[in-house]
Amino acid sequence: MGKFDDAVESAKAQCKACKIPVNDELLRAVCKSLGPSLYNRDARTVAASQPSEIATIRKNFLIKKLGCEDSPKLDKAIDKVIDKMGRSNRNKQRAVMYYALAREMKKEDVFV
């Protein structure tokens, strides 16, 4: 298995641990969209307790990538995904968070 497959398997394992249903095709597409950041230890995880990180996810992923309208609904979706992944979980993988947000916002078609 290559580095990409290892990263996808790691994300899949975190999805299962967080009881997030896994769609292999969508998860692979989300992982692929992350590019080199998928392999960078710091960029691979999300600092969900940092407001600047949440603002970046909101602006760059939800609004720019997924094409969502800027509204309080975005913050609710982020909070819901963070709760699913566990607020105390310090290793929230970016791929899993983006995957869960795409599903939450019903924007899977952006990736597949």
PDB file of N, CA and C in Angstrom:
ATOM      1  N   MET A   1       0.837  -1.184   0.000  1.00  0.00           N
ATOM      2  CA  MET A   1       0.000   0.000   0.000  1.00  0.00           C
ATOM      3  C   MET A   1       0.881   1.245   0.000  1.00  0.00           C
ATOM      4  N   GLY A   2       0.449   2.287  -0.726  1.00  0.00           N
ATOM      5  CA  GLY A   2       1.185   3.538  -0.786  1.00  0.00           C
ATOM      6  C   GLY A   2       0.772   4.493   0.312  1.00  0.00           C
ATOM      7  N   LYS A   3       1.420   5.648   0.328  1.00  0.00           N
ATOM      8  CA  LYS A   3       1.126   6.661   1.346  1.00  0.00           C
ATOM      9  C   LYS A   3      -0.323   7.130   1.279  1.00  0.00           C
ATOM     10  N   PHE A   4      -0.830   7.309   0.050  1.00  0.00           N
ATOM     11  CA  PHE A   4      -2.207   7.774  -0.098  1.00  0.00           C
ATOM     12  C   PHE A   4      -3.183   6.750   0.476  1.00  0.00           C
ATOM     13  N   ASP A   5      -2.984   5.480   0.126  1.00  0.00           N
ATOM     14  CA  ASP A   5      -3.867   4.433   0.638  1.00  0.00           C
ATOM     15  C   ASP A   5      -3.798   4.336   2.160  1.00  0.00           C
ATOM     16  N   ASP A   6      -2.604   4.519   2.716  1.00  0.00           N
ATOM     17  CA  ASP A   6      -2.457   4.507   4.175  1.00  0.00           C
ATOM     18  C   ASP A   6      -3.249   5.654   4.805  1.00  0.00           C
ATOM     19  N   ALA A   7      -3.181   6.835   4.193  1.00  0.00           N
ATOM     20  CA  ALA A   7      -3.906   8.002   4.711  1.00  0.00           C
ATOM     21  C   ALA A   7      -5.410   7.777   4.635  1.00  0.00           C
ATOM     22  N   VAL A   8      -5.881   7.182   3.545  1.00  0.00           N
ATOM     23  CA  VAL A   8      -7.314   6.892   3.393  1.00  0.00           C
ATOM     24  C   VAL A   8      -7.755   5.878   4.445  1.00  0.00           C
ATOM     25  N   GLU A   9      -6.958   4.847   4.659  1.00  0.00           N
ATOM     26  CA  GLU A   9      -7.294   3.830   5.668  1.00  0.00           C
ATOM     27  C   GLU A   9      -7.331   4.435   7.069  1.00  0.00           C
ATOM     28  N   SER A  10      -6.407   5.344   7.349  1.00  0.00           N
ATOM     29  CA  SER A  10      -6.392   6.024   8.644  1.00  0.00           C
ATOM     30  C   SER A  10      -7.652   6.863   8.826  1.00  0.00           C
ATOM     31  N   ALA A  11      -8.049   7.575   7.777  1.00  0.00           N
ATOM     32  CA  ALA A  11      -9.275   8.380   7.832  1.00  0.00           C
ATOM     33  C   ALA A  11     -10.498   7.484   7.997  1.00  0.00           C
ATOM     34  N   LYS A  12     -10.503   6.368   7.294  1.00  0.00           N
ATOM     35  CA  LYS A  12     -11.621   5.424   7.397  1.00  0.00           C
ATOM     36  C   LYS A  12     -11.730   4.872   8.829  1.00  0.00           C
ATOM     37  N   ALA A  13     -10.595   4.570   9.424  1.00  0.00           N
ATOM     38  CA  ALA A  13     -10.585   4.060  10.800  1.00  0.00           C
ATOM     39  C   ALA A  13     -11.134   5.111  11.765  1.00  0.00           C
ATOM     40  N   GLN A  14     -10.768   6.391  11.551  1.00  0.00           N
ATOM     41  CA  GLN A  14     -11.289   7.435  12.434  1.00  0.00           C
ATOM     42  C   GLN A  14     -12.793   7.612  12.219  1.00  0.00           C
ATOM     43  N   CYS A  15     -13.251   7.515  10.985  1.00  0.00           N
ATOM     44  CA  CYS A  15     -14.696   7.594  10.720  1.00  0.00           C
ATOM     45  C   CYS A  15     -15.433   6.506  11.497  1.00  0.00           C
ATOM     46  N   LYS A  16     -14.921   5.289  11.407  1.00  0.00           N
ATOM     47  CA  LYS A  16     -15.570   4.170  12.103  1.00  0.00           C
ATOM     48  C   LYS A  16     -15.540   4.369  13.609  1.00  0.00           C
ATOM     49  N   ALA A  17     -14.428   4.869  14.140  1.00  0.00           N
ATOM     50  CA  ALA A  17     -14.314   5.115  15.582  1.00  0.00           C
ATOM     51  C   ALA A  17     -15.307   6.190  16.037  1.00  0.00           C
ATOM     52  N   CYS A  18     -15.589   7.140  15.153  1.00  0.00           N
ATOM     53  CA  CYS A  18     -16.527   8.226  15.476  1.00  0.00           C
ATOM     54  C   CYS A  18     -17.959   7.904  15.055  1.00  0.00           C
ATOM     55  N   LYS A  19     -18.165   6.675  14.555  1.00  0.00           N
ATOM     56  CA  LYS A  19     -19.482   6.221  14.101  1.00  0.00           C
ATOM     57  C   LYS A  19     -20.038   7.108  12.980  1.00  0.00           C
ATOM     58  N   ILE A  20     -19.143   7.481  12.053  1.00  0.00           N
ATOM     59  CA  ILE A  20     -19.530   8.236  10.863  1.00  0.00           C
ATOM     60  C   ILE A  20     -19.577   7.235   9.713  1.00  0.00           C
ATOM     61  N   PRO A  21     -20.748   7.067   9.069  1.00  0.00           N
ATOM     62  CA  PRO A  21     -20.849   6.108   7.958  1.00  0.00           C
ATOM     63  C   PRO A  21     -19.841   6.435   6.859  1.00  0.00           C
ATOM     64  N   VAL A  22     -19.210   5.407   6.309  1.00  0.00           N
ATOM     65  CA  VAL A  22     -18.143   5.606   5.325  1.00  0.00           C
ATOM     66  C   VAL A  22     -18.620   5.270   3.916  1.00  0.00           C
ATOM     67  N   ASN A  23     -18.453   6.230   3.022  1.00  0.00           N
ATOM     68  CA  ASN A  23     -18.621   6.032   1.591  1.00  0.00           C
ATOM     69  C   ASN A  23     -17.202   6.092   1.030  1.00  0.00           C
ATOM     70  N   ASP A  24     -16.659   4.938   0.647  1.00  0.00           N
ATOM     71  CA  ASP A  24     -15.258   4.862   0.214  1.00  0.00           C
ATOM     72  C   ASP A  24     -14.925   5.832  -0.913  1.00  0.00           C
ATOM     73  N   GLU A  25     -15.795   5.913  -1.905  1.00  0.00           N
ATOM     74  CA  GLU A  25     -15.534   6.776  -3.056  1.00  0.00           C
ATOM     75  C   GLU A  25     -15.443   8.245  -2.631  1.00  0.00           C
ATOM     76  N   LEU A  26     -16.366   8.683  -1.798  1.00  0.00           N
ATOM     77  CA  LEU A  26     -16.370  10.069  -1.330  1.00  0.00           C
ATOM     78  C   LEU A  26     -15.149  10.346  -0.448  1.00  0.00           C
ATOM     79  N   LEU A  27     -14.838   9.431   0.459  1.00  0.00           N
ATOM     80  CA  LEU A  27     -13.695   9.627   1.345  1.00  0.00           C
ATOM     81  C   LEU A  27     -12.395   9.724   0.548  1.00  0.00           C
ATOM     82  N   ARG A  28     -12.222   8.862  -0.439  1.00  0.00           N
ATOM     83  CA  ARG A  28     -11.019   8.911  -1.284  1.00  0.00           C
ATOM     84  C   ARG A  28     -10.954  10.249  -2.046  1.00  0.00           C
ATOM     85  N   ALA A  29     -12.089  10.717  -2.539  1.00  0.00           N
ATOM     86  CA  ALA A  29     -12.113  11.980  -3.277  1.00  0.00           C
ATOM     87  C   ALA A  29     -11.762  13.159  -2.369  1.00  0.00           C
ATOM     88  N   VAL A  30     -12.270  13.142  -1.147  1.00  0.00           N
ATOM     89  CA  VAL A  30     -11.947  14.209  -0.193  1.00  0.00           C
ATOM     90  C   VAL A  30     -10.458  14.167   0.130  1.00  0.00           C
ATOM     91  N   CYS A  31      -9.933  12.980   0.387  1.00  0.00           N
ATOM     92  CA  CYS A  31      -8.497  12.839   0.677  1.00  0.00           C
ATOM     93  C   CYS A  31      -7.657  13.349  -0.494  1.00  0.00           C
ATOM     94  N   LYS A  32      -8.050  13.004  -1.692  1.00  0.00           N
ATOM     95  CA  LYS A  32      -7.306  13.436  -2.881  1.00  0.00           C
ATOM     96  C   LYS A  32      -7.325  14.954  -3.005  1.00  0.00           C
ATOM     97  N   SER A  33      -8.444  15.571  -2.654  1.00  0.00           N
ATOM     98  CA  SER A  33      -8.572  17.028  -2.774  1.00  0.00           C
ATOM     99  C   SER A  33      -7.652  17.773  -1.803  1.00  0.00           C
ATOM    100  N   LEU A  34      -7.201  17.097  -0.769  1.00  0.00           N
ATOM    101  CA  LEU A  34      -6.322  17.743   0.214  1.00  0.00           C
ATOM    102  C   LEU A  34      -4.886  17.877  -0.273  1.00  0.00           C
ATOM    103  N   GLY A  35      -4.545  17.127  -1.307  1.00  0.00           N
ATOM    104  CA  GLY A  35      -3.208  17.227  -1.875  1.00  0.00           C
ATOM    105  C   GLY A  35      -2.121  16.903  -0.862  1.00  0.00           C
ATOM    106  N   PRO A  36      -0.992  17.621  -0.931  1.00  0.00           N
ATOM    107  CA  PRO A  36       0.145  17.341  -0.048  1.00  0.00           C
ATOM    108  C   PRO A  36      -0.152  17.529   1.442  1.00  0.00           C
ATOM    109  N   SER A  37      -1.156  18.336   1.779  1.00  0.00           N
ATOM    110  CA  SER A  37      -1.460  18.548   3.192  1.00  0.00           C
ATOM    111  C   SER A  37      -1.912  17.259   3.877  1.00  0.00           C
ATOM    112  N   LEU A  38      -2.323  16.287   3.084  1.00  0.00           N
ATOM    113  CA  LEU A  38      -2.732  14.991   3.622  1.00  0.00           C
ATOM    114  C   LEU A  38      -1.562  14.286   4.318  1.00  0.00           C
ATOM    115  N   TYR A  39      -0.348  14.618   3.902  1.00  0.00           N
ATOM    116  CA  TYR A  39       0.849  13.954   4.433  1.00  0.00           C
ATOM    117  C   TYR A  39       1.612  14.799   5.439  1.00  0.00           C
ATOM    118  N   ASN A  40       1.257  16.066   5.573  1.00  0.00           N
ATOM    119  CA  ASN A  40       1.923  16.954   6.520  1.00  0.00           C
ATOM    120  C   ASN A  40       1.287  16.785   7.888  1.00  0.00           C
ATOM    121  N   ARG A  41       2.101  16.428   8.871  1.00  0.00           N
ATOM    122  CA  ARG A  41       1.560  16.093  10.191  1.00  0.00           C
ATOM    123  C   ARG A  41       0.711  17.211  10.787  1.00  0.00           C
ATOM    124  N   ASP A  42       1.172  18.454  10.654  1.00  0.00           N
ATOM    125  CA  ASP A  42       0.438  19.580  11.229  1.00  0.00           C
ATOM    126  C   ASP A  42      -0.843  19.877  10.441  1.00  0.00           C
ATOM    127  N   ALA A  43      -0.748  19.879   9.127  1.00  0.00           N
ATOM    128  CA  ALA A  43      -1.901  20.215   8.279  1.00  0.00           C
ATOM    129  C   ALA A  43      -2.928  19.096   8.230  1.00  0.00           C
ATOM    130  N   ARG A  44      -2.524  17.885   8.540  1.00  0.00           N
ATOM    131  CA  ARG A  44      -3.411  16.728   8.459  1.00  0.00           C
ATOM    132  C   ARG A  44      -4.505  16.760   9.528  1.00  0.00           C
ATOM    133  N   THR A  45      -4.235  17.455  10.642  1.00  0.00           N
ATOM    134  CA  THR A  45      -5.215  17.506  11.725  1.00  0.00           C
ATOM    135  C   THR A  45      -5.827  18.894  11.844  1.00  0.00           C
ATOM    136  N   VAL A  46      -6.966  18.964  12.508  1.00  0.00           N
ATOM    137  CA  VAL A  46      -7.702  20.205  12.694  1.00  0.00           C
ATOM    138  C   VAL A  46      -7.637  20.595  14.171  1.00  0.00           C
ATOM    139  N   ALA A  47      -7.277  21.850  14.415  1.00  0.00           N
ATOM    140  CA  ALA A  47      -7.280  22.385  15.776  1.00  0.00           C
ATOM    141  C   ALA A  47      -8.656  23.000  16.013  1.00  0.00           C
ATOM    142  N   ALA A  48      -9.606  22.164  16.381  1.00  0.00           N
ATOM    143  CA  ALA A  48     -11.007  22.581  16.470  1.00  0.00           C
ATOM    144  C   ALA A  48     -11.266  23.582  17.587  1.00  0.00           C
ATOM    145  N   SER A  49     -10.335  23.730  18.517  1.00  0.00           N
ATOM    146  CA  SER A  49     -10.529  24.683  19.610  1.00  0.00           C
ATOM    147  C   SER A  49     -10.028  26.082  19.250  1.00  0.00           C
ATOM    148  N   GLN A  50      -9.395  26.216  18.086  1.00  0.00           N
ATOM    149  CA  GLN A  50      -8.888  27.518  17.660  1.00  0.00           C
ATOM    150  C   GLN A  50      -9.886  28.207  16.725  1.00  0.00           C
ATOM    151  N   PRO A  51     -10.397  29.371  17.124  1.00  0.00           N
ATOM    152  CA  PRO A  51     -11.362  30.085  16.285  1.00  0.00           C
ATOM    153  C   PRO A  51     -10.842  30.380  14.874  1.00  0.00           C
ATOM    154  N   SER A  52      -9.542  30.637  14.744  1.00  0.00           N
ATOM    155  CA  SER A  52      -8.990  30.931  13.420  1.00  0.00           C
ATOM    156  C   SER A  52      -9.066  29.704  12.505  1.00  0.00           C
ATOM    157  N   GLU A  53      -8.876  28.522  13.080  1.00  0.00           N
ATOM    158  CA  GLU A  53      -8.966  27.277  12.299  1.00  0.00           C
ATOM    159  C   GLU A  53     -10.404  27.053  11.828  1.00  0.00           C
ATOM    160  N   ILE A  54     -11.355  27.276  12.715  1.00  0.00           N
ATOM    161  CA  ILE A  54     -12.774  27.117  12.373  1.00  0.00           C
ATOM    162  C   ILE A  54     -13.170  28.126  11.295  1.00  0.00           C
ATOM    163  N   ALA A  55     -12.665  29.361  11.411  1.00  0.00           N
ATOM    164  CA  ALA A  55     -12.964  30.388  10.411  1.00  0.00           C
ATOM    165  C   ALA A  55     -12.399  29.994   9.050  1.00  0.00           C
ATOM    166  N   THR A  56     -11.219  29.384   9.037  1.00  0.00           N
ATOM    167  CA  THR A  56     -10.605  28.939   7.789  1.00  0.00           C
ATOM    168  C   THR A  56     -11.421  27.819   7.153  1.00  0.00           C
ATOM    169  N   ILE A  57     -11.859  26.862   7.962  1.00  0.00           N
ATOM    170  CA  ILE A  57     -12.688  25.765   7.452  1.00  0.00           C
ATOM    171  C   ILE A  57     -13.986  26.320   6.866  1.00  0.00           C
ATOM    172  N   ARG A  58     -14.579  27.237   7.591  1.00  0.00           N
ATOM    173  CA  ARG A  58     -15.836  27.858   7.167  1.00  0.00           C
ATOM    174  C   ARG A  58     -15.658  28.569   5.823  1.00  0.00           C
ATOM    175  N   LYS A  59     -14.624  29.421   5.744  1.00  0.00           N
ATOM    176  CA  LYS A  59     -14.417  30.245   4.549  1.00  0.00           C
ATOM    177  C   LYS A  59     -13.867  29.439   3.368  1.00  0.00           C
ATOM    178  N   ASN A  60     -12.778  28.714   3.601  1.00  0.00           N
ATOM    179  CA  ASN A  60     -12.094  28.061   2.486  1.00  0.00           C
ATOM    180  C   ASN A  60     -12.712  26.736   2.061  1.00  0.00           C
ATOM    181  N   PHE A  61     -13.300  26.003   3.001  1.00  0.00           N
ATOM    182  CA  PHE A  61     -13.890  24.723   2.613  1.00  0.00           C
ATOM    183  C   PHE A  61     -15.385  24.845   2.341  1.00  0.00           C
ATOM    184  N   LEU A  62     -16.142  25.285   3.341  1.00  0.00           N
ATOM    185  CA  LEU A  62     -17.595  25.302   3.180  1.00  0.00           C
ATOM    186  C   LEU A  62     -18.068  26.311   2.133  1.00  0.00           C
ATOM    187  N   ILE A  63     -17.503  27.514   2.168  1.00  0.00           N
ATOM    188  CA  ILE A  63     -17.981  28.549   1.247  1.00  0.00           C
ATOM    189  C   ILE A  63     -17.315  28.435  -0.124  1.00  0.00           C
ATOM    190  N   LYS A  64     -15.969  28.390  -0.136  1.00  0.00           N
ATOM    191  CA  LYS A  64     -15.275  28.364  -1.430  1.00  0.00           C
ATOM    192  C   LYS A  64     -15.349  27.007  -2.118  1.00  0.00           C
ATOM    193  N   LYS A  65     -14.996  25.942  -1.414  1.00  0.00           N
ATOM    194  CA  LYS A  65     -14.928  24.612  -2.040  1.00  0.00           C
ATOM    195  C   LYS A  65     -16.319  24.018  -2.287  1.00  0.00           C
ATOM    196  N   LEU A  66     -17.164  24.031  -1.252  1.00  0.00           N
ATOM    197  CA  LEU A  66     -18.479  23.411  -1.398  1.00  0.00           C
ATOM    198  C   LEU A  66     -19.530  24.351  -1.986  1.00  0.00           C
ATOM    199  N   GLY A  67     -19.266  25.650  -1.970  1.00  0.00           N
ATOM    200  CA  GLY A  67     -20.212  26.610  -2.539  1.00  0.00           C
ATOM    201  C   GLY A  67     -21.410  26.887  -1.654  1.00  0.00           C
ATOM    202  N   CYS A  68     -21.236  26.734  -0.352  1.00  0.00           N
ATOM    203  CA  CYS A  68     -22.333  27.000   0.587  1.00  0.00           C
ATOM    204  C   CYS A  68     -22.517  28.509   0.762  1.00  0.00           C
ATOM    205  N   GLU A  69     -23.744  28.905   1.048  1.00  0.00           N
ATOM    206  CA  GLU A  69     -24.040  30.301   1.355  1.00  0.00           C
ATOM    207  C   GLU A  69     -23.551  30.602   2.767  1.00  0.00           C
ATOM    208  N   ASP A  70     -22.991  31.781   2.961  1.00  0.00           N
ATOM    209  CA  ASP A  70     -22.517  32.196   4.286  1.00  0.00           C
ATOM    210  C   ASP A  70     -23.733  32.428   5.187  1.00  0.00           C
ATOM    211  N   SER A  71     -23.848  31.594   6.226  1.00  0.00           N
ATOM    212  CA  SER A  71     -24.973  31.714   7.151  1.00  0.00           C
ATOM    213  C   SER A  71     -24.616  31.024   8.473  1.00  0.00           C
ATOM    214  N   PRO A  72     -25.410  31.266   9.513  1.00  0.00           N
ATOM    215  CA  PRO A  72     -25.175  30.594  10.801  1.00  0.00           C
ATOM    216  C   PRO A  72     -25.287  29.064  10.697  1.00  0.00           C
ATOM    217  N   LYS A  73     -25.931  28.590   9.649  1.00  0.00           N
ATOM    218  CA  LYS A  73     -26.083  27.154   9.420  1.00  0.00           C
ATOM    219  C   LYS A  73     -24.705  26.474   9.303  1.00  0.00           C
ATOM    220  N   LEU A  74     -23.720  27.202   8.777  1.00  0.00           N
ATOM    221  CA  LEU A  74     -22.374  26.655   8.622  1.00  0.00           C
ATOM    222  C   LEU A  74     -21.734  26.380   9.983  1.00  0.00           C
ATOM    223  N   ASP A  75     -21.899  27.319  10.897  1.00  0.00           N
ATOM    224  CA  ASP A  75     -21.341  27.127  12.244  1.00  0.00           C
ATOM    225  C   ASP A  75     -22.007  25.952  12.954  1.00  0.00           C
ATOM    226  N   LYS A  76     -23.297  25.795  12.748  1.00  0.00           N
ATOM    227  CA  LYS A  76     -24.012  24.669  13.346  1.00  0.00           C
ATOM    228  C   LYS A  76     -23.500  23.340  12.790  1.00  0.00           C
ATOM    229  N   ALA A  77     -23.244  23.308  11.489  1.00  0.00           N
ATOM    230  CA  ALA A  77     -22.726  22.093  10.856  1.00  0.00           C
ATOM    231  C   ALA A  77     -21.335  21.760  11.392  1.00  0.00           C
ATOM    232  N   ILE A  78     -20.482  22.765  11.523  1.00  0.00           N
ATOM    233  CA  ILE A  78     -19.142  22.545  12.068  1.00  0.00           C
ATOM    234  C   ILE A  78     -19.226  22.022  13.489  1.00  0.00           C
ATOM    235  N   ASP A  79     -20.073  22.641  14.313  1.00  0.00           N
ATOM    236  CA  ASP A  79     -20.236  22.187  15.708  1.00  0.00           C
ATOM    237  C   ASP A  79     -20.736  20.748  15.766  1.00  0.00           C
ATOM    238  N   LYS A  80     -21.672  20.414  14.898  1.00  0.00           N
ATOM    239  CA  LYS A  80     -22.228  19.058  14.881  1.00  0.00           C
ATOM    240  C   LYS A  80     -21.148  18.031  14.536  1.00  0.00           C
ATOM    241  N   VAL A  81     -20.317  18.356  13.544  1.00  0.00           N
ATOM    242  CA  VAL A  81     -19.241  17.434  13.143  1.00  0.00           C
ATOM    243  C   VAL A  81     -18.198  17.320  14.247  1.00  0.00           C
ATOM    244  N   ILE A  82     -17.856  18.434  14.882  1.00  0.00           N
ATOM    245  CA  ILE A  82     -16.889  18.386  15.994  1.00  0.00           C
ATOM    246  C   ILE A  82     -17.439  17.515  17.117  1.00  0.00           C
ATOM    247  N   ASP A  83     -18.727  17.648  17.410  1.00  0.00           N
ATOM    248  CA  ASP A  83     -19.343  16.804  18.444  1.00  0.00           C
ATOM    249  C   ASP A  83     -19.269  15.331  18.055  1.00  0.00           C
ATOM    250  N   LYS A  84     -19.549  15.019  16.776  1.00  0.00           N
ATOM    251  CA  LYS A  84     -19.472  13.629  16.309  1.00  0.00           C
ATOM    252  C   LYS A  84     -18.069  13.072  16.471  1.00  0.00           C
ATOM    253  N   MET A  85     -17.076  13.906  16.159  1.00  0.00           N
ATOM    254  CA  MET A  85     -15.686  13.454  16.218  1.00  0.00           C
ATOM    255  C   MET A  85     -15.146  13.445  17.644  1.00  0.00           C
ATOM    256  N   GLY A  86     -15.855  14.108  18.541  1.00  0.00           N
ATOM    257  CA  GLY A  86     -15.446  14.156  19.942  1.00  0.00           C
ATOM    258  C   GLY A  86     -14.647  15.412  20.242  1.00  0.00           C
ATOM    259  N   ARG A  87     -15.214  16.281  21.041  1.00  0.00           N
ATOM    260  CA  ARG A  87     -14.530  17.536  21.370  1.00  0.00           C
ATOM    261  C   ARG A  87     -13.191  17.294  22.050  1.00  0.00           C
ATOM    262  N   SER A  88     -13.083  16.222  22.809  1.00  0.00           N
ATOM    263  CA  SER A  88     -11.823  15.946  23.509  1.00  0.00           C
ATOM    264  C   SER A  88     -10.804  15.234  22.620  1.00  0.00           C
ATOM    265  N   ASN A  89     -11.217  14.795  21.443  1.00  0.00           N
ATOM    266  CA  ASN A  89     -10.317  14.135  20.495  1.00  0.00           C
ATOM    267  C   ASN A  89      -9.351  15.182  19.937  1.00  0.00           C
ATOM    268  N   ARG A  90      -8.082  15.075  20.282  1.00  0.00           N
ATOM    269  CA  ARG A  90      -7.096  16.066  19.854  1.00  0.00           C
ATOM    270  C   ARG A  90      -6.522  15.757  18.473  1.00  0.00           C
ATOM    271  N   ASN A  91      -6.897  14.652  17.881  1.00  0.00           N
ATOM    272  CA  ASN A  91      -6.365  14.266  16.572  1.00  0.00           C
ATOM    273  C   ASN A  91      -7.458  14.144  15.528  1.00  0.00           C
ATOM    274  N   LYS A  92      -8.222  15.200  15.369  1.00  0.00           N
ATOM    275  CA  LYS A  92      -9.280  15.189  14.361  1.00  0.00           C
ATOM    276  C   LYS A  92      -8.627  15.341  12.991  1.00  0.00           C
ATOM    277  N   GLN A  93      -8.762  14.317  12.178  1.00  0.00           N
ATOM    278  CA  GLN A  93      -8.163  14.373  10.850  1.00  0.00           C
ATOM    279  C   GLN A  93      -8.966  15.301   9.948  1.00  0.00           C
ATOM    280  N   ARG A  94      -8.257  16.139   9.226  1.00  0.00           N
ATOM    281  CA  ARG A  94      -8.892  17.095   8.315  1.00  0.00           C
ATOM    282  C   ARG A  94      -9.749  16.371   7.271  1.00  0.00           C
ATOM    283  N   ALA A  95      -9.245  15.264   6.756  1.00  0.00           N
ATOM    284  CA  ALA A  95      -9.999  14.512   5.741  1.00  0.00           C
ATOM    285  C   ALA A  95     -11.346  14.044   6.298  1.00  0.00           C
ATOM    286  N   VAL A  96     -11.348  13.587   7.533  1.00  0.00           N
ATOM    287  CA  VAL A  96     -12.591  13.101   8.149  1.00  0.00           C
ATOM    288  C   VAL A  96     -13.539  14.267   8.389  1.00  0.00           C
ATOM    289  N   MET A  97     -13.002  15.388   8.872  1.00  0.00           N
ATOM    290  CA  MET A  97     -13.859  16.550   9.125  1.00  0.00           C
ATOM    291  C   MET A  97     -14.471  17.049   7.813  1.00  0.00           C
ATOM    292  N   TYR A  98     -13.673  17.163   6.766  1.00  0.00           N
ATOM    293  CA  TYR A  98     -14.194  17.639   5.490  1.00  0.00           C
ATOM    294  C   TYR A  98     -15.201  16.649   4.906  1.00  0.00           C
ATOM    295  N   TYR A  99     -14.910  15.368   5.041  1.00  0.00           N
ATOM    296  CA  TYR A  99     -15.830  14.323   4.576  1.00  0.00           C
ATOM    297  C   TYR A  99     -17.182  14.455   5.294  1.00  0.00           C
ATOM    298  N   ALA A 100     -17.128  14.569   6.622  1.00  0.00           N
ATOM    299  CA  ALA A 100     -18.355  14.671   7.417  1.00  0.00           C
ATOM    300  C   ALA A 100     -19.105  15.967   7.101  1.00  0.00           C
ATOM    301  N   LEU A 101     -18.374  17.055   6.881  1.00  0.00           N
ATOM    302  CA  LEU A 101     -19.028  18.323   6.540  1.00  0.00           C
ATOM    303  C   LEU A 101     -19.693  18.245   5.164  1.00  0.00           C
ATOM    304  N   ALA A 102     -19.034  17.615   4.216  1.00  0.00           N
ATOM    305  CA  ALA A 102     -19.633  17.464   2.883  1.00  0.00           C
ATOM    306  C   ALA A 102     -20.939  16.672   2.976  1.00  0.00           C
ATOM    307  N   ARG A 103     -20.938  15.628   3.785  1.00  0.00           N
ATOM    308  CA  ARG A 103     -22.165  14.838   3.976  1.00  0.00           C
ATOM    309  C   ARG A 103     -23.222  15.645   4.710  1.00  0.00           C
ATOM    310  N   GLU A 104     -22.807  16.354   5.758  1.00  0.00           N
ATOM    311  CA  GLU A 104     -23.734  17.153   6.571  1.00  0.00           C
ATOM    312  C   GLU A 104     -24.426  18.225   5.725  1.00  0.00           C
ATOM    313  N   MET A 105     -23.664  18.851   4.827  1.00  0.00           N
ATOM    314  CA  MET A 105     -24.201  19.919   3.990  1.00  0.00           C
ATOM    315  C   MET A 105     -24.842  19.388   2.696  1.00  0.00           C
ATOM    316  N   LYS A 106     -24.843  18.053   2.537  1.00  0.00           N
ATOM    317  CA  LYS A 106     -25.408  17.404   1.350  1.00  0.00           C
ATOM    318  C   LYS A 106     -24.737  17.914   0.069  1.00  0.00           C
ATOM    319  N   LYS A 107     -23.401  17.991   0.112  1.00  0.00           N
ATOM    320  CA  LYS A 107     -22.616  18.492  -1.019  1.00  0.00           C
ATOM    321  C   LYS A 107     -21.641  17.427  -1.535  1.00  0.00           C
ATOM    322  N   GLU A 108     -22.022  16.161  -1.418  1.00  0.00           N
ATOM    323  CA  GLU A 108     -21.167  15.085  -1.875  1.00  0.00           C
ATOM    324  C   GLU A 108     -20.848  15.184  -3.355  1.00  0.00           C
ATOM    325  N   ASP A 109     -21.800  15.753  -4.113  1.00  0.00           N
ATOM    326  CA  ASP A 109     -21.638  15.849  -5.565  1.00  0.00           C
ATOM    327  C   ASP A 109     -20.454  16.720  -5.981  1.00  0.00           C
ATOM    328  N   VAL A 110     -19.927  17.550  -5.088  1.00  0.00           N
ATOM    329  CA  VAL A 110     -18.754  18.352  -5.387  1.00  0.00           C
ATOM    330  C   VAL A 110     -17.546  17.446  -5.607  1.00  0.00           C
ATOM    331  N   PHE A 111     -17.534  16.296  -4.933  1.00  0.00           N
ATOM    332  CA  PHE A 111     -16.388  15.384  -4.980  1.00  0.00           C
ATOM    333  C   PHE A 111     -16.592  14.179  -5.892  1.00  0.00           C
ATOM    334  N   VAL A 112     -17.817  13.676  -6.003  1.00  0.00           N
ATOM    335  CA  VAL A 112     -18.045  12.463  -6.807  1.00  0.00           C
ATOM    336  C   VAL A 112     -19.098  12.695  -7.877  1.00  0.00           C
TER     337      VAL A 112
END
